[in-house]
Amino acid sequence: MIGSDETGARVAGKTAWHWVFHMPEASYHVIVPGRNAEVMAAFLGDTRPEGWVSDLWSPQPQVDAETHQI
């Protein structure tokens, strides 16, 4: 299972996005300019999670996972 969420962050006076991806073993934080499906794809690479937990922000249900939990 992988859970994800994002929130706004300010970097050098500009809006960016602080993403967190969490699993039972670890959490991964990244601050990037975008709030889009490409951020999730870059994190996942070739990995297809068994489950994806999200708040249903529009790109999140598009993640290729066996199941989705909201």
PDB file of N, CA and C in Angstrom:
ATOM      1  N   MET A   1       0.838  -1.177   0.000  1.00  0.00           N
ATOM      2  CA  MET A   1       0.000   0.000   0.000  1.00  0.00           C
ATOM      3  C   MET A   1       0.880   1.236   0.000  1.00  0.00           C
ATOM      4  N   ILE A   2       0.467   2.207  -0.789  1.00  0.00           N
ATOM      5  CA  ILE A   2       1.125   3.514  -0.805  1.00  0.00           C
ATOM      6  C   ILE A   2       0.041   4.566  -0.653  1.00  0.00           C
ATOM      7  N   GLY A   3       0.278   5.500   0.247  1.00  0.00           N
ATOM      8  CA  GLY A   3      -0.612   6.630   0.399  1.00  0.00           C
ATOM      9  C   GLY A   3       0.079   7.889  -0.089  1.00  0.00           C
ATOM     10  N   SER A   4      -0.697   8.837  -0.587  1.00  0.00           N
ATOM     11  CA  SER A   4      -0.079  10.077  -1.046  1.00  0.00           C
ATOM     12  C   SER A   4      -0.982  11.259  -0.730  1.00  0.00           C
ATOM     13  N   ASP A   5      -0.333  12.402  -0.587  1.00  0.00           N
ATOM     14  CA  ASP A   5      -1.048  13.662  -0.451  1.00  0.00           C
ATOM     15  C   ASP A   5      -0.076  14.776  -0.795  1.00  0.00           C
ATOM     16  N   GLU A   6      -0.614  15.951  -1.049  1.00  0.00           N
ATOM     17  CA  GLU A   6       0.220  17.091  -1.401  1.00  0.00           C
ATOM     18  C   GLU A   6      -0.384  18.347  -0.797  1.00  0.00           C
ATOM     19  N   THR A   7       0.491  19.322  -0.578  1.00  0.00           N
ATOM     20  CA  THR A   7       0.049  20.613  -0.056  1.00  0.00           C
ATOM     21  C   THR A   7       0.967  21.686  -0.613  1.00  0.00           C
ATOM     22  N   GLY A   8       0.466  22.885  -0.667  1.00  0.00           N
ATOM     23  CA  GLY A   8       1.254  23.993  -1.204  1.00  0.00           C
ATOM     24  C   GLY A   8       2.451  24.315  -0.320  1.00  0.00           C
ATOM     25  N   ALA A   9       3.496  24.798  -0.950  1.00  0.00           N
ATOM     26  CA  ALA A   9       4.715  25.230  -0.255  1.00  0.00           C
ATOM     27  C   ALA A   9       5.290  26.413  -1.017  1.00  0.00           C
ATOM     28  N   ARG A  10       5.965  27.294  -0.315  1.00  0.00           N
ATOM     29  CA  ARG A  10       6.609  28.438  -0.964  1.00  0.00           C
ATOM     30  C   ARG A  10       8.098  28.163  -1.054  1.00  0.00           C
ATOM     31  N   VAL A  11       8.640  28.314  -2.256  1.00  0.00           N
ATOM     32  CA  VAL A  11      10.066  28.125  -2.500  1.00  0.00           C
ATOM     33  C   VAL A  11      10.545  29.337  -3.287  1.00  0.00           C
ATOM     34  N   ALA A  12      11.456  30.085  -2.711  1.00  0.00           N
ATOM     35  CA  ALA A  12      12.003  31.285  -3.356  1.00  0.00           C
ATOM     36  C   ALA A  12      10.880  32.218  -3.823  1.00  0.00           C
ATOM     37  N   GLY A  13       9.836  32.351  -2.997  1.00  0.00           N
ATOM     38  CA  GLY A  13       8.740  33.254  -3.304  1.00  0.00           C
ATOM     39  C   GLY A  13       7.737  32.750  -4.324  1.00  0.00           C
ATOM     40  N   LYS A  14       7.874  31.497  -4.738  1.00  0.00           N
ATOM     41  CA  LYS A  14       6.958  30.924  -5.725  1.00  0.00           C
ATOM     42  C   LYS A  14       6.235  29.717  -5.137  1.00  0.00           C
ATOM     43  N   THR A  15       5.035  29.461  -5.671  1.00  0.00           N
ATOM     44  CA  THR A  15       4.272  28.307  -5.212  1.00  0.00           C
ATOM     45  C   THR A  15       4.876  27.017  -5.758  1.00  0.00           C
ATOM     46  N   ALA A  16       5.052  26.067  -4.870  1.00  0.00           N
ATOM     47  CA  ALA A  16       5.507  24.726  -5.228  1.00  0.00           C
ATOM     48  C   ALA A  16       4.586  23.763  -4.490  1.00  0.00           C
ATOM     49  N   TRP A  17       4.859  22.464  -4.629  1.00  0.00           N
ATOM     50  CA  TRP A  17       4.016  21.456  -3.990  1.00  0.00           C
ATOM     51  C   TRP A  17       4.873  20.488  -3.206  1.00  0.00           C
ATOM     52  N   HIS A  18       4.508  20.311  -1.950  1.00  0.00           N
ATOM     53  CA  HIS A  18       5.170  19.355  -1.077  1.00  0.00           C
ATOM     54  C   HIS A  18       4.338  18.073  -1.113  1.00  0.00           C
ATOM     55  N   TRP A  19       4.907  17.053  -1.711  1.00  0.00           N
ATOM     56  CA  TRP A  19       4.253  15.746  -1.813  1.00  0.00           C
ATOM     57  C   TRP A  19       4.830  14.827  -0.760  1.00  0.00           C
ATOM     58  N   VAL A  20       3.982  13.975  -0.200  1.00  0.00           N
ATOM     59  CA  VAL A  20       4.455  12.897   0.658  1.00  0.00           C
ATOM     60  C   VAL A  20       3.838  11.592   0.152  1.00  0.00           C
ATOM     61  N   PHE A  21       4.676  10.600   0.031  1.00  0.00           N
ATOM     62  CA  PHE A  21       4.263   9.243  -0.329  1.00  0.00           C
ATOM     63  C   PHE A  21       4.654   8.382   0.864  1.00  0.00           C
ATOM     64  N   HIS A  22       3.709   7.648   1.427  1.00  0.00           N
ATOM     65  CA  HIS A  22       4.037   6.890   2.624  1.00  0.00           C
ATOM     66  C   HIS A  22       3.626   5.438   2.487  1.00  0.00           C
ATOM     67  N   MET A  23       4.470   4.603   3.054  1.00  0.00           N
ATOM     68  CA  MET A  23       4.291   3.162   3.078  1.00  0.00           C
ATOM     69  C   MET A  23       4.584   2.700   4.493  1.00  0.00           C
ATOM     70  N   PRO A  24       4.277   1.476   4.845  1.00  0.00           N
ATOM     71  CA  PRO A  24       4.581   1.020   6.207  1.00  0.00           C
ATOM     72  C   PRO A  24       6.067   1.130   6.559  1.00  0.00           C
ATOM     73  N   GLU A  25       6.941   0.994   5.576  1.00  0.00           N
ATOM     74  CA  GLU A  25       8.376   0.970   5.845  1.00  0.00           C
ATOM     75  C   GLU A  25       9.038   2.341   5.820  1.00  0.00           C
ATOM     76  N   ALA A  26       8.452   3.311   5.110  1.00  0.00           N
ATOM     77  CA  ALA A  26       9.146   4.579   4.911  1.00  0.00           C
ATOM     78  C   ALA A  26       8.181   5.650   4.400  1.00  0.00           C
ATOM     79  N   SER A  27       8.641   6.886   4.491  1.00  0.00           N
ATOM     80  CA  SER A  27       7.934   8.016   3.883  1.00  0.00           C
ATOM     81  C   SER A  27       8.909   8.747   2.979  1.00  0.00           C
ATOM     82  N   TYR A  28       8.403   9.247   1.868  1.00  0.00           N
ATOM     83  CA  TYR A  28       9.218   9.964   0.891  1.00  0.00           C
ATOM     84  C   TYR A  28       8.603  11.335   0.705  1.00  0.00           C
ATOM     85  N   HIS A  29       9.401  12.369   0.901  1.00  0.00           N
ATOM     86  CA  HIS A  29       8.937  13.743   0.735  1.00  0.00           C
ATOM     87  C   HIS A  29       9.673  14.375  -0.433  1.00  0.00           C
ATOM     88  N   VAL A  30       8.953  15.142  -1.230  1.00  0.00           N
ATOM     89  CA  VAL A  30       9.568  15.856  -2.342  1.00  0.00           C
ATOM     90  C   VAL A  30       8.823  17.178  -2.528  1.00  0.00           C
ATOM     91  N   ILE A  31       9.556  18.230  -2.814  1.00  0.00           N
ATOM     92  CA  ILE A  31       8.949  19.516  -3.145  1.00  0.00           C
ATOM     93  C   ILE A  31       9.284  19.804  -4.593  1.00  0.00           C
ATOM     94  N   VAL A  32       8.242  19.965  -5.403  1.00  0.00           N
ATOM     95  CA  VAL A  32       8.394  20.142  -6.845  1.00  0.00           C
ATOM     96  C   VAL A  32       7.465  21.253  -7.321  1.00  0.00           C
ATOM     97  N   PRO A  33       7.713  21.779  -8.527  1.00  0.00           N
ATOM     98  CA  PRO A  33       6.845  22.846  -9.040  1.00  0.00           C
ATOM     99  C   PRO A  33       5.446  22.378  -9.407  1.00  0.00           C
ATOM    100  N   GLY A  34       5.256  21.086  -9.680  1.00  0.00           N
ATOM    101  CA  GLY A  34       3.988  20.624 -10.234  1.00  0.00           C
ATOM    102  C   GLY A  34       3.102  19.863  -9.264  1.00  0.00           C
ATOM    103  N   ARG A  35       1.826  19.921  -9.571  1.00  0.00           N
ATOM    104  CA  ARG A  35       0.807  19.150  -8.838  1.00  0.00           C
ATOM    105  C   ARG A  35       0.041  18.347  -9.879  1.00  0.00           C
ATOM    106  N   ASN A  36       0.714  17.357 -10.452  1.00  0.00           N
ATOM    107  CA  ASN A  36       0.112  16.625 -11.557  1.00  0.00           C
ATOM    108  C   ASN A  36       0.502  15.148 -11.513  1.00  0.00           C
ATOM    109  N   ALA A  37      -0.063  14.388 -12.427  1.00  0.00           N
ATOM    110  CA  ALA A  37       0.171  12.945 -12.464  1.00  0.00           C
ATOM    111  C   ALA A  37       1.629  12.601 -12.732  1.00  0.00           C
ATOM    112  N   GLU A  38       2.366  13.469 -13.369  1.00  0.00           N
ATOM    113  CA  GLU A  38       3.773  13.189 -13.663  1.00  0.00           C
ATOM    114  C   GLU A  38       4.594  13.038 -12.379  1.00  0.00           C
ATOM    115  N   VAL A  39       4.213  13.753 -11.326  1.00  0.00           N
ATOM    116  CA  VAL A  39       4.930  13.633 -10.055  1.00  0.00           C
ATOM    117  C   VAL A  39       4.778  12.218  -9.504  1.00  0.00           C
ATOM    118  N   MET A  40       3.567  11.692  -9.543  1.00  0.00           N
ATOM    119  CA  MET A  40       3.330  10.330  -9.052  1.00  0.00           C
ATOM    120  C   MET A  40       4.023   9.306  -9.942  1.00  0.00           C
ATOM    121  N   ALA A  41       3.992   9.510 -11.247  1.00  0.00           N
ATOM    122  CA  ALA A  41       4.644   8.582 -12.173  1.00  0.00           C
ATOM    123  C   ALA A  41       6.152   8.567 -11.950  1.00  0.00           C
ATOM    124  N   ALA A  42       6.743   9.732 -11.707  1.00  0.00           N
ATOM    125  CA  ALA A  42       8.185   9.795 -11.449  1.00  0.00           C
ATOM    126  C   ALA A  42       8.538   9.069 -10.159  1.00  0.00           C
ATOM    127  N   PHE A  43       7.701   9.197  -9.147  1.00  0.00           N
ATOM    128  CA  PHE A  43       7.949   8.494  -7.891  1.00  0.00           C
ATOM    129  C   PHE A  43       7.846   6.983  -8.080  1.00  0.00           C
ATOM    130  N   LEU A  44       6.802   6.526  -8.761  1.00  0.00           N
ATOM    131  CA  LEU A  44       6.552   5.093  -8.897  1.00  0.00           C
ATOM    132  C   LEU A  44       7.505   4.398  -9.851  1.00  0.00           C
ATOM    133  N   GLY A  45       7.947   5.079 -10.898  1.00  0.00           N
ATOM    134  CA  GLY A  45       8.777   4.404 -11.892  1.00  0.00           C
ATOM    135  C   GLY A  45       8.019   3.225 -12.474  1.00  0.00           C
ATOM    136  N   ASP A  46       8.615   2.043 -12.431  1.00  0.00           N
ATOM    137  CA  ASP A  46       7.978   0.829 -12.955  1.00  0.00           C
ATOM    138  C   ASP A  46       7.170   0.075 -11.903  1.00  0.00           C
ATOM    139  N   THR A  47       7.052   0.637 -10.711  1.00  0.00           N
ATOM    140  CA  THR A  47       6.343  -0.041  -9.622  1.00  0.00           C
ATOM    141  C   THR A  47       4.835   0.088  -9.794  1.00  0.00           C
ATOM    142  N   ARG A  48       4.130  -1.013  -9.597  1.00  0.00           N
ATOM    143  CA  ARG A  48       2.659  -1.001  -9.593  1.00  0.00           C
ATOM    144  C   ARG A  48       2.219  -1.433  -8.205  1.00  0.00           C
ATOM    145  N   PRO A  49       1.742  -0.481  -7.386  1.00  0.00           N
ATOM    146  CA  PRO A  49       1.385  -0.843  -6.017  1.00  0.00           C
ATOM    147  C   PRO A  49       0.147  -1.726  -5.950  1.00  0.00           C
ATOM    148  N   GLU A  50       0.085  -2.529  -4.890  1.00  0.00           N
ATOM    149  CA  GLU A  50      -1.111  -3.330  -4.654  1.00  0.00           C
ATOM    150  C   GLU A  50      -2.290  -2.431  -4.317  1.00  0.00           C
ATOM    151  N   GLY A  51      -2.018  -1.363  -3.568  1.00  0.00           N
ATOM    152  CA  GLY A  51      -3.084  -0.448  -3.200  1.00  0.00           C
ATOM    153  C   GLY A  51      -2.592   0.986  -3.154  1.00  0.00           C
ATOM    154  N   TRP A  52      -3.491   1.925  -3.456  1.00  0.00           N
ATOM    155  CA  TRP A  52      -3.182   3.348  -3.445  1.00  0.00           C
ATOM    156  C   TRP A  52      -4.228   4.040  -2.585  1.00  0.00           C
ATOM    157  N   VAL A  53      -3.757   4.794  -1.583  1.00  0.00           N
ATOM    158  CA  VAL A  53      -4.638   5.513  -0.669  1.00  0.00           C
ATOM    159  C   VAL A  53      -4.541   6.996  -0.988  1.00  0.00           C
ATOM    160  N   SER A  54      -5.694   7.641  -1.196  1.00  0.00           N
ATOM    161  CA  SER A  54      -5.671   9.056  -1.556  1.00  0.00           C
ATOM    162  C   SER A  54      -6.979   9.730  -1.172  1.00  0.00           C
ATOM    163  N   ASP A  55      -6.996  11.050  -1.362  1.00  0.00           N
ATOM    164  CA  ASP A  55      -8.203  11.831  -1.115  1.00  0.00           C
ATOM    165  C   ASP A  55      -8.982  12.092  -2.412  1.00  0.00           C
ATOM    166  N   LEU A  56      -8.657  11.368  -3.450  1.00  0.00           N
ATOM    167  CA  LEU A  56      -9.337  11.426  -4.755  1.00  0.00           C
ATOM    168  C   LEU A  56      -9.117  12.711  -5.527  1.00  0.00           C
ATOM    169  N   TRP A  57      -8.009  13.443  -5.245  1.00  0.00           N
ATOM    170  CA  TRP A  57      -7.680  14.558  -6.126  1.00  0.00           C
ATOM    171  C   TRP A  57      -7.496  13.966  -7.525  1.00  0.00           C
ATOM    172  N   SER A  58      -7.992  14.603  -8.542  1.00  0.00           N
ATOM    173  CA  SER A  58      -8.251  14.003  -9.859  1.00  0.00           C
ATOM    174  C   SER A  58      -7.155  13.103 -10.445  1.00  0.00           C
ATOM    175  N   PRO A  59      -5.855  13.404 -10.384  1.00  0.00           N
ATOM    176  CA  PRO A  59      -4.880  12.462 -10.946  1.00  0.00           C
ATOM    177  C   PRO A  59      -4.676  11.196 -10.115  1.00  0.00           C
ATOM    178  N   GLN A  60      -4.989  11.234  -8.807  1.00  0.00           N
ATOM    179  CA  GLN A  60      -4.661  10.095  -7.962  1.00  0.00           C
ATOM    180  C   GLN A  60      -5.412   8.814  -8.325  1.00  0.00           C
ATOM    181  N   PRO A  61      -6.688   8.854  -8.662  1.00  0.00           N
ATOM    182  CA  PRO A  61      -7.352   7.609  -9.068  1.00  0.00           C
ATOM    183  C   PRO A  61      -6.821   7.026 -10.381  1.00  0.00           C
ATOM    184  N   GLN A  62      -6.028   7.802 -11.109  1.00  0.00           N
ATOM    185  CA  GLN A  62      -5.455   7.315 -12.366  1.00  0.00           C
ATOM    186  C   GLN A  62      -4.207   6.468 -12.155  1.00  0.00           C
ATOM    187  N   VAL A  63      -3.674   6.434 -10.923  1.00  0.00           N
ATOM    188  CA  VAL A  63      -2.494   5.619 -10.636  1.00  0.00           C
ATOM    189  C   VAL A  63      -2.842   4.157 -10.925  1.00  0.00           C
ATOM    190  N   ASP A  64      -1.941   3.480 -11.606  1.00  0.00           N
ATOM    191  CA  ASP A  64      -2.141   2.066 -11.934  1.00  0.00           C
ATOM    192  C   ASP A  64      -1.849   1.221 -10.708  1.00  0.00           C
ATOM    193  N   ALA A  65      -2.896   0.940  -9.935  1.00  0.00           N
ATOM    194  CA  ALA A  65      -2.785   0.109  -8.731  1.00  0.00           C
ATOM    195  C   ALA A  65      -3.873  -0.951  -8.778  1.00  0.00           C
ATOM    196  N   GLU A  66      -3.639  -2.047  -8.065  1.00  0.00           N
ATOM    197  CA  GLU A  66      -4.649  -3.104  -8.042  1.00  0.00           C
ATOM    198  C   GLU A  66      -5.948  -2.617  -7.408  1.00  0.00           C
ATOM    199  N   THR A  67      -5.834  -1.829  -6.329  1.00  0.00           N
ATOM    200  CA  THR A  67      -7.025  -1.290  -5.665  1.00  0.00           C
ATOM    201  C   THR A  67      -6.767   0.159  -5.262  1.00  0.00           C
ATOM    202  N   HIS A  68      -7.851   0.883  -5.036  1.00  0.00           N
ATOM    203  CA  HIS A  68      -7.774   2.272  -4.549  1.00  0.00           C
ATOM    204  C   HIS A  68      -8.615   2.383  -3.296  1.00  0.00           C
ATOM    205  N   GLN A  69      -8.078   3.037  -2.296  1.00  0.00           N
ATOM    206  CA  GLN A  69      -8.785   3.300  -1.045  1.00  0.00           C
ATOM    207  C   GLN A  69      -8.895   4.811  -0.875  1.00  0.00           C
ATOM    208  N   ILE A  70     -10.065   5.268  -0.492  1.00  0.00           N
ATOM    209  CA  ILE A  70     -10.233   6.715  -0.288  1.00  0.00           C
ATOM    210  C   ILE A  70     -10.586   7.004   1.163  1.00  0.00           C
TER     211      ILE A  70
END
